[in-house]
Protein backbone atom coordinates (compact mmCIF):
# COMPACT_ATOMS: atom_id res chain seq x y z
CA MET A 1 143.02 115.74 79.53
CA ILE A 2 142.51 117.00 75.95
CA ALA A 3 142.02 120.43 76.92
CA MET A 4 145.24 120.34 78.79
CA GLY A 5 147.05 119.46 75.70
CA VAL A 6 147.62 115.58 76.47
CA ASN A 7 147.26 113.60 73.46
CA VAL A 8 144.48 111.15 74.42
CA ARG A 9 142.43 108.72 72.30
CA VAL A 10 139.23 107.33 73.70
CA PHE A 11 137.94 103.86 73.00
CA PRO A 12 134.57 103.30 74.57
CA LEU A 13 133.46 99.59 74.75
CA GLY A 14 129.81 100.62 74.55
CA GLU A 15 127.93 103.41 72.49
CA PRO A 16 129.18 106.81 73.53
CA ALA A 17 126.72 109.06 75.27
CA ARG A 18 124.40 110.82 72.80
CA ASP A 19 125.45 114.36 74.29
CA ARG A 20 129.13 113.52 74.35
CA PRO A 21 130.13 114.16 70.73
CA ALA A 22 133.79 114.96 71.90
CA ILE A 23 134.17 111.28 72.68
CA ALA A 24 132.40 110.06 69.67
CA ALA A 25 134.67 112.09 67.39
CA VAL A 26 137.90 110.09 68.49
CA ILE A 27 136.49 106.71 68.12
CA PRO A 28 138.43 104.94 65.48
CA LYS A 29 136.51 103.71 62.22
CA LYS A 30 135.75 99.97 62.28
CA ALA A 31 138.54 97.93 60.57
CA ALA A 32 136.96 94.46 60.81
CA VAL A 33 139.51 92.57 58.73
CA LYS A 34 142.63 94.23 60.41
CA GLY A 35 141.05 93.92 63.73
CA LEU A 36 140.30 90.27 63.52
CA ALA A 37 143.94 89.71 62.22
CA TRP A 38 145.16 91.66 65.39
CA ALA A 39 142.75 89.53 67.63
CA LEU A 40 144.35 86.42 66.53
CA ARG A 41 147.85 87.72 67.30
CA LEU A 42 146.80 88.93 70.83
CA GLY A 43 144.93 85.69 71.50
CA ALA A 44 148.29 83.88 71.05
CA GLY A 45 149.63 86.02 74.10
CA GLU A 46 146.76 84.84 76.24
CA ILE A 47 147.37 81.16 76.01
CA ARG A 48 148.60 80.71 79.68
CA LEU A 49 145.55 82.69 81.03
CA THR A 50 143.25 80.62 78.68
CA THR A 51 144.78 77.30 79.87
CA GLU A 52 144.13 78.25 83.44
CA LEU A 53 140.56 79.12 82.79
CA LEU A 54 139.96 75.90 80.93
CA ARG A 55 141.50 73.99 83.81
CA ASN A 56 139.11 75.91 86.28
CA ARG A 57 136.19 75.51 83.94
CA SER A 58 135.79 79.12 84.31
CA TRP A 59 133.54 79.45 81.27
CA ARG A 60 132.06 82.94 82.24
CA GLU A 61 135.76 84.34 82.45
CA LEU A 62 136.83 82.59 79.20
CA SER A 63 134.02 84.24 77.34
CA ARG A 64 134.95 87.55 78.63
CA LEU A 65 138.55 87.06 77.76
CA ALA A 66 137.51 86.29 74.19
CA TYR A 67 135.49 89.38 74.18
CA ALA A 68 138.46 91.41 75.36
CA VAL A 69 140.80 90.08 72.79
CA LEU A 70 138.38 90.89 69.92
CA ARG A 71 137.91 94.48 71.24
CA ALA A 72 141.60 94.98 71.75
CA GLY A 73 142.20 93.69 68.21
CA GLY A 74 139.93 96.45 66.89
CA ALA A 75 141.85 99.02 68.88
CA MET A 76 145.05 97.84 67.74
CA ALA A 77 144.08 98.09 64.04
CA ALA A 78 143.64 101.89 64.75
CA LEU A 79 146.77 102.23 67.05
CA ALA A 80 149.34 100.04 65.14
CA LYS A 81 150.82 103.19 63.35
CA HIS A 82 150.79 105.47 66.51
CA PRO A 83 151.22 103.20 69.60
CA PRO A 84 150.50 104.56 72.95
CA THR A 85 153.02 105.13 75.59
CA HIS A 86 150.31 104.59 78.38
CA VAL A 87 146.94 102.73 78.40
CA HIS A 88 144.46 103.64 81.17
CA ALA A 89 141.32 101.69 81.69
CA HIS A 90 138.14 103.10 83.57
CA PHE A 91 136.71 100.35 85.62
CA LEU A 92 138.64 97.29 86.96
CA ALA A 93 136.39 95.08 84.88
CA ARG A 94 136.02 94.52 81.06
CA PRO A 95 137.73 97.90 80.19
CA ALA A 96 140.77 96.53 82.13
CA ASP A 97 141.01 93.35 80.13
CA VAL A 98 140.97 95.27 77.04
CA GLY A 99 143.44 97.85 78.23
CA ARG A 100 146.01 95.49 79.62
CA ILE A 101 146.08 93.31 76.25
CA ILE A 102 146.62 96.53 74.39
CA ALA A 103 149.36 97.54 76.74
CA ARG A 104 151.24 94.17 76.47
CA ALA A 105 150.97 94.33 72.77
CA THR A 106 152.37 97.92 72.54
CA GLY A 107 154.71 97.77 75.39
CA ALA A 108 152.98 100.60 77.02
CA ASN A 109 152.41 101.09 80.70
CA PHE A 110 149.04 100.22 82.00
CA SER A 111 146.88 101.74 84.77
CA VAL A 112 143.33 101.37 85.80
CA THR A 113 140.65 103.04 87.74
CA ALA A 114 138.48 101.27 90.26
CA HIS A 115 135.15 103.03 91.08
CA ALA A 116 133.05 100.85 93.27
CA GLY A 117 131.89 97.19 92.91
CA ASP A 118 134.79 96.56 90.52
CA ALA A 119 137.23 96.80 93.34
CA TYR A 120 135.84 93.37 94.45
CA MET A 121 134.82 91.32 91.48
CA PRO A 122 134.66 88.03 93.47
CA TRP A 123 132.84 86.36 90.36
CA GLU A 124 135.80 86.92 88.08
CA PRO A 125 138.77 85.82 90.30
CA LEU A 126 141.18 84.90 87.56
CA LEU A 127 140.70 87.86 85.43
CA TYR A 128 140.55 90.22 88.46
CA SER A 129 144.14 88.87 89.47
CA GLU A 130 145.46 89.33 85.96
CA ARG A 131 144.13 93.03 86.01
CA ILE A 132 145.74 93.81 89.22
CA ALA A 133 149.05 92.13 88.33
CA SER A 134 149.28 93.88 85.08
CA ALA A 135 148.68 97.42 86.32
CA SER A 136 151.78 99.56 87.27
CA ALA A 137 149.31 101.75 89.10
CA ILE A 138 145.75 101.59 90.40
CA VAL A 139 143.51 104.72 90.71
CA ALA A 140 140.52 104.62 93.24
CA ALA A 141 137.64 106.96 92.67
CA SER A 142 137.30 107.45 96.39
CA GLY A 143 139.30 106.92 99.66
CA HIS A 144 136.77 104.12 100.45
CA VAL A 145 137.67 102.25 97.31
CA ALA A 146 141.41 103.02 98.01
CA ALA A 147 141.26 101.41 101.34
CA THR A 148 139.48 98.40 99.86
CA LEU A 149 142.30 97.95 97.43
CA LEU A 150 145.22 98.44 99.68
CA ALA A 151 143.72 96.04 102.27
CA ARG A 152 143.89 93.35 99.57
CA HIS A 153 146.84 94.48 97.52
CA ALA A 154 149.27 96.21 99.89
CA ASP A 155 152.10 95.98 97.40
CA LYS A 156 150.33 97.95 94.77
CA ARG A 157 150.56 101.78 94.43
CA VAL A 158 147.06 103.05 94.75
CA ALA A 159 146.14 106.80 94.10
CA VAL A 160 142.97 108.56 94.86
CA VAL A 161 141.56 110.50 91.85
CA HIS A 162 137.98 111.44 92.01
CA CYS A 163 135.69 111.63 89.10
CA GLY A 164 135.62 115.48 89.06
CA ILE A 165 133.07 117.48 87.32
CA ASP A 166 133.53 120.12 84.61
CA PHE A 167 132.00 123.50 85.76
CA ARG A 168 131.81 124.79 82.21
CA GLU A 169 129.01 122.13 81.52
CA LEU A 170 126.84 123.18 84.55
CA PRO A 171 123.86 125.53 84.11
CA SER A 172 123.64 128.72 86.04
CA VAL A 173 122.90 128.51 89.71
CA VAL A 174 119.19 129.26 90.35
CA PRO A 175 118.30 131.42 93.34
CA GLN A 176 116.94 129.35 96.28
CA LYS A 177 113.60 131.23 96.29
CA GLU A 178 112.89 130.06 92.71
CA ARG A 179 113.53 126.38 93.42
CA ARG A 180 110.83 123.77 93.94
CA GLY A 181 110.62 120.12 94.70
CA LEU A 182 112.58 117.01 95.35
CA ILE A 183 114.60 115.43 92.73
CA THR A 184 116.31 111.71 92.44
CA VAL A 185 118.61 110.85 89.53
CA GLY A 186 119.80 107.43 88.86
CA ARG A 187 119.02 104.00 87.49
CA MET A 188 115.76 102.63 89.18
CA VAL A 189 117.39 99.65 91.10
CA PRO A 190 117.10 98.80 94.84
CA THR A 191 120.64 100.06 95.67
CA LYS A 192 119.50 103.73 94.84
CA GLY A 193 117.09 103.70 97.75
CA TYR A 194 113.80 103.92 95.76
CA LEU A 195 111.99 101.40 97.92
CA GLU A 196 112.99 103.34 101.10
CA LEU A 197 111.67 106.64 99.39
CA LEU A 198 108.41 104.73 98.65
CA ASP A 199 107.93 104.17 102.33
CA VAL A 200 109.05 107.61 103.48
CA LEU A 201 107.77 110.34 100.92
CA PRO A 202 104.08 109.80 101.21
CA ALA A 203 104.06 111.18 104.75
CA VAL A 204 106.48 114.06 103.73
CA MET A 205 104.30 115.00 100.60
CA ASP A 206 101.19 114.88 102.79
CA GLU A 207 102.62 117.50 104.91
CA HIS A 208 103.84 119.66 101.82
CA PRO A 209 100.60 119.79 99.62
CA THR A 210 102.39 121.28 96.67
CA LEU A 211 105.69 119.17 96.75
CA GLU A 212 106.60 117.39 93.73
CA TRP A 213 109.10 114.43 93.25
CA HIS A 214 110.85 114.22 90.00
CA ILE A 215 112.64 111.11 89.09
CA TYR A 216 115.14 110.88 86.41
CA GLY A 217 116.34 107.44 85.32
CA ASP A 218 114.98 104.10 84.06
CA GLY A 219 115.31 100.50 85.23
CA PRO A 220 113.53 97.40 86.77
CA LEU A 221 111.69 99.57 89.56
CA TYR A 222 110.15 102.04 87.18
CA THR A 223 106.79 100.30 86.83
CA GLN A 224 106.68 99.44 90.66
CA VAL A 225 107.35 103.16 91.54
CA GLN A 226 104.73 104.26 88.82
CA ASN A 227 102.26 101.84 90.12
CA PHE A 228 102.65 102.79 93.72
CA PHE A 229 101.61 106.24 93.16
CA SER A 230 99.07 105.80 90.62
CA SER A 231 96.43 104.86 93.20
CA THR A 232 97.34 107.54 95.72
CA ALA A 233 96.59 111.23 96.05
CA PHE A 234 99.95 112.13 95.01
CA ARG A 235 99.87 110.58 91.53
CA ASP A 236 100.09 113.83 89.97
CA ARG A 237 102.92 115.08 92.04
CA VAL A 238 105.43 112.16 91.30
CA ILE A 239 106.74 112.63 87.76
CA LEU A 240 108.92 110.10 86.15
CA HIS A 241 110.95 111.39 83.33
CA GLY A 242 113.00 108.25 82.32
CA SER A 243 116.25 108.57 80.60
CA VAL A 244 117.07 112.01 79.28
CA THR A 245 120.21 113.82 78.37
CA ASN A 246 122.84 114.92 80.87
CA GLU A 247 122.06 118.55 80.14
CA ALA A 248 118.40 118.07 80.95
CA VAL A 249 119.26 116.28 84.25
CA LEU A 250 121.56 119.20 85.18
CA SER A 251 118.90 121.87 84.45
CA ALA A 252 116.31 119.90 86.59
CA ILE A 253 118.63 119.69 89.41
CA ALA A 254 119.48 123.35 89.34
CA ARG A 255 115.66 124.07 89.58
CA SER A 256 115.17 121.71 92.65
CA SER A 257 115.11 122.52 96.24
CA CYS A 258 116.46 119.14 97.46
CA PHE A 259 118.29 116.23 95.71
CA VAL A 260 117.65 112.79 97.40
CA LEU A 261 119.65 109.70 96.86
CA PRO A 262 119.71 107.20 99.75
CA ALA A 263 122.29 104.86 98.25
CA LEU A 264 122.52 101.30 99.69
CA PRO A 265 124.81 98.45 99.90
CA SER A 266 124.37 95.27 98.23
CA ASP A 267 125.49 91.57 98.56
CA ASP A 268 127.01 91.37 95.25
CA HIS A 269 129.03 94.68 95.46
CA HIS A 270 127.03 96.31 92.76
CA GLY A 271 126.25 99.52 94.96
CA ASP A 272 127.52 103.02 94.42
CA GLY A 273 131.05 104.29 95.10
CA LEU A 274 130.84 108.00 95.02
CA PRO A 275 128.04 109.14 92.66
CA VAL A 276 129.11 111.99 90.42
CA VAL A 277 125.53 113.18 90.49
CA LEU A 278 125.84 114.19 94.21
CA MET A 279 128.79 116.48 93.22
CA GLU A 280 126.74 117.90 90.52
CA ALA A 281 123.92 118.63 92.84
CA LEU A 282 126.16 120.15 95.43
CA ALA A 283 127.92 122.37 92.61
CA LEU A 284 124.48 123.64 91.65
CA GLU A 285 123.72 124.65 95.37
CA THR A 286 120.96 122.18 95.71
CA ALA A 287 120.42 120.67 99.18
CA VAL A 288 121.53 116.95 99.19
CA VAL A 289 120.20 114.15 101.25
CA SER A 290 122.09 110.90 100.95
CA THR A 291 123.38 107.90 103.13
CA ALA A 292 126.62 107.30 105.00
CA PHE A 293 127.77 104.65 102.76
CA ALA A 294 130.88 103.82 100.71
CA GLY A 295 132.65 107.17 99.54
CA ILE A 296 129.68 109.35 99.93
CA PRO A 297 130.88 110.71 103.49
CA GLU A 298 133.95 112.16 101.65
CA LEU A 299 131.66 114.36 99.67
CA VAL A 300 128.47 114.99 101.71
CA THR A 301 129.70 116.36 105.10
CA PRO A 302 127.43 117.72 107.92
CA ASP A 303 128.26 121.30 106.99
CA VAL A 304 127.15 121.04 103.27
CA GLY A 305 124.33 118.37 103.44
CA TYR A 306 122.48 115.69 105.16
CA LEU A 307 123.78 112.05 105.80
CA VAL A 308 121.78 109.28 107.35
CA PRO A 309 122.60 105.63 108.12
CA PRO A 310 121.74 103.17 105.15
CA PHE A 311 118.27 101.60 105.51
CA ASP A 312 117.38 103.96 108.44
CA LYS A 313 113.84 105.05 107.18
CA GLN A 314 113.26 107.18 110.27
CA GLU A 315 116.37 109.28 109.80
CA LEU A 316 115.87 109.62 106.13
CA SER A 317 112.44 111.28 106.81
CA ARG A 318 113.87 113.36 109.18
CA ALA A 319 116.59 114.49 107.01
CA ILE A 320 114.37 115.32 104.02
CA ARG A 321 111.92 117.21 106.25
CA ALA A 322 115.01 119.33 107.57
CA ALA A 323 116.18 120.07 104.06
CA LEU A 324 112.86 121.36 103.04
CA THR A 325 112.19 123.48 106.12
CA GLN A 326 115.77 124.74 106.74
CA GLU A 327 115.88 128.47 107.33
CA ALA A 328 116.70 130.54 104.07
CA ALA A 329 119.81 132.04 105.26
CA LEU A 330 121.27 128.81 106.67
CA ARG A 331 120.30 126.85 103.42
CA ALA A 332 122.02 129.56 101.12
CA GLU A 333 125.26 129.32 103.42
CA ALA A 334 125.37 125.73 103.19
CA ALA A 335 124.75 125.71 99.46
CA ARG A 336 127.60 128.07 98.94
CA ARG A 337 129.97 125.87 101.02
CA GLY A 338 128.80 122.95 99.07
CA ARG A 339 129.80 124.53 95.67
CA ALA A 340 133.21 125.85 97.00
CA MET A 341 133.99 122.25 98.40
CA VAL A 342 133.25 120.65 95.12
CA GLN A 343 135.10 123.38 93.19
CA GLU A 344 138.20 122.75 95.40
CA ARG A 345 138.39 118.92 95.83
CA PHE A 346 136.13 117.65 93.05
CA ASN A 347 137.02 119.56 90.02
CA VAL A 348 137.71 117.80 86.84
CA ALA A 349 140.77 119.97 86.11
CA THR A 350 142.37 119.19 89.42
CA GLU A 351 141.80 115.54 89.24
CA ALA A 352 142.86 115.20 85.65
CA ARG A 353 146.05 116.90 86.68
CA ILE A 354 146.63 114.45 89.38
CA LEU A 355 146.00 111.60 87.13
CA ALA A 356 148.37 112.84 84.44
CA GLU A 357 151.14 113.79 86.73
CA GLN A 358 150.97 111.14 89.60
CA VAL A 359 149.93 108.09 87.47
CA TRP A 360 150.78 108.65 83.90
CA GLY A 361 153.97 110.70 84.62
CA ILE A 362 153.13 113.60 82.33
CA SER A 363 153.53 117.29 83.01
CA VAL A 364 150.58 119.42 82.26
CA PRO A 365 149.91 123.16 82.63
CA THR A 366 149.16 124.57 86.19
CA SER A 367 146.21 126.17 84.63
CA VAL A 368 143.94 125.96 81.68
CA ARG A 369 141.91 128.95 80.77
CA GLY A 370 138.10 128.16 81.52
CA LEU A 371 138.79 124.78 82.90
CA ASP A 372 139.76 125.80 86.47
CA SER A 373 137.00 128.39 86.80
CA ASP A 374 133.77 127.70 88.87
CA GLY A 375 131.63 128.26 85.82
CA ARG A 376 129.86 131.29 87.08
């Protein structure tokens, strides 16, 4: 958006990524006193919702509302002199609470993007209803999420805007003959399919004596995965890198033969929606194996990658084997199709333009030098 000339200020609720200095540069300086004064004023506008939460004894939601008011107060201290005309929140959760409060205080329009589990939020029914009611438009990060929202809120305008990738940030495509190994990138939790891979990969690695599996990410399953392989013959071929910079992850994907992410659903709706890392893998012409779950089939189609049913370990094993042994010419052709498809349908320039024009009502240039290219 900024590259297109749109005046955007970014207010992350958490610490900005260490490799995202552009975002850090637009975070306002803390103004504690002014922020607290604003929070008191904003809190007065939440009396109706506060009363309803107290009546329902919704203590979790009440604490989240208090958090949102305080964070909105801090933002308003920086925005008061230059109020926004539009407030957009990423995630139909805490950011939406903060965003709608700022929008109400400034008279700005409010919109929000739902990515995955935040399209449900059964554990915050009152706050969720307030977010939906306050939004003039809702953005879905995939067609799957859009269908979920429209089934529950047929009266709302829902636009599909993917979380596209910036091809300028990608490393050069590595020739297929120079690639080695499997790679998985993602938080080490059950919904990323790590436990399924523990059952499947030993047999695959036994068939491929030099095959390595590189894991980038951290989380509750880190120790379990580490311990599982420590007593096997594959212990030196399973490398856990932990959390690293996005630049390091992209470089590793570019050097890998196959990207594996068998994403899974969960009872609490905390699973994936449409993982950006799958877009990055396809854009880097790396073979992809994933699951037919949520919005993933919108990206990983049979002509560019391998999809298997969730929890189907036999099919997962077959897909990984097929990806590793695919004939070179067919692999290269599928890789080129994958990159071209991402460039056409999941490019950050295209998606930002849709968000600006269809949701925010802002005209932007039809082309921005460098932003629309495929990064080659």
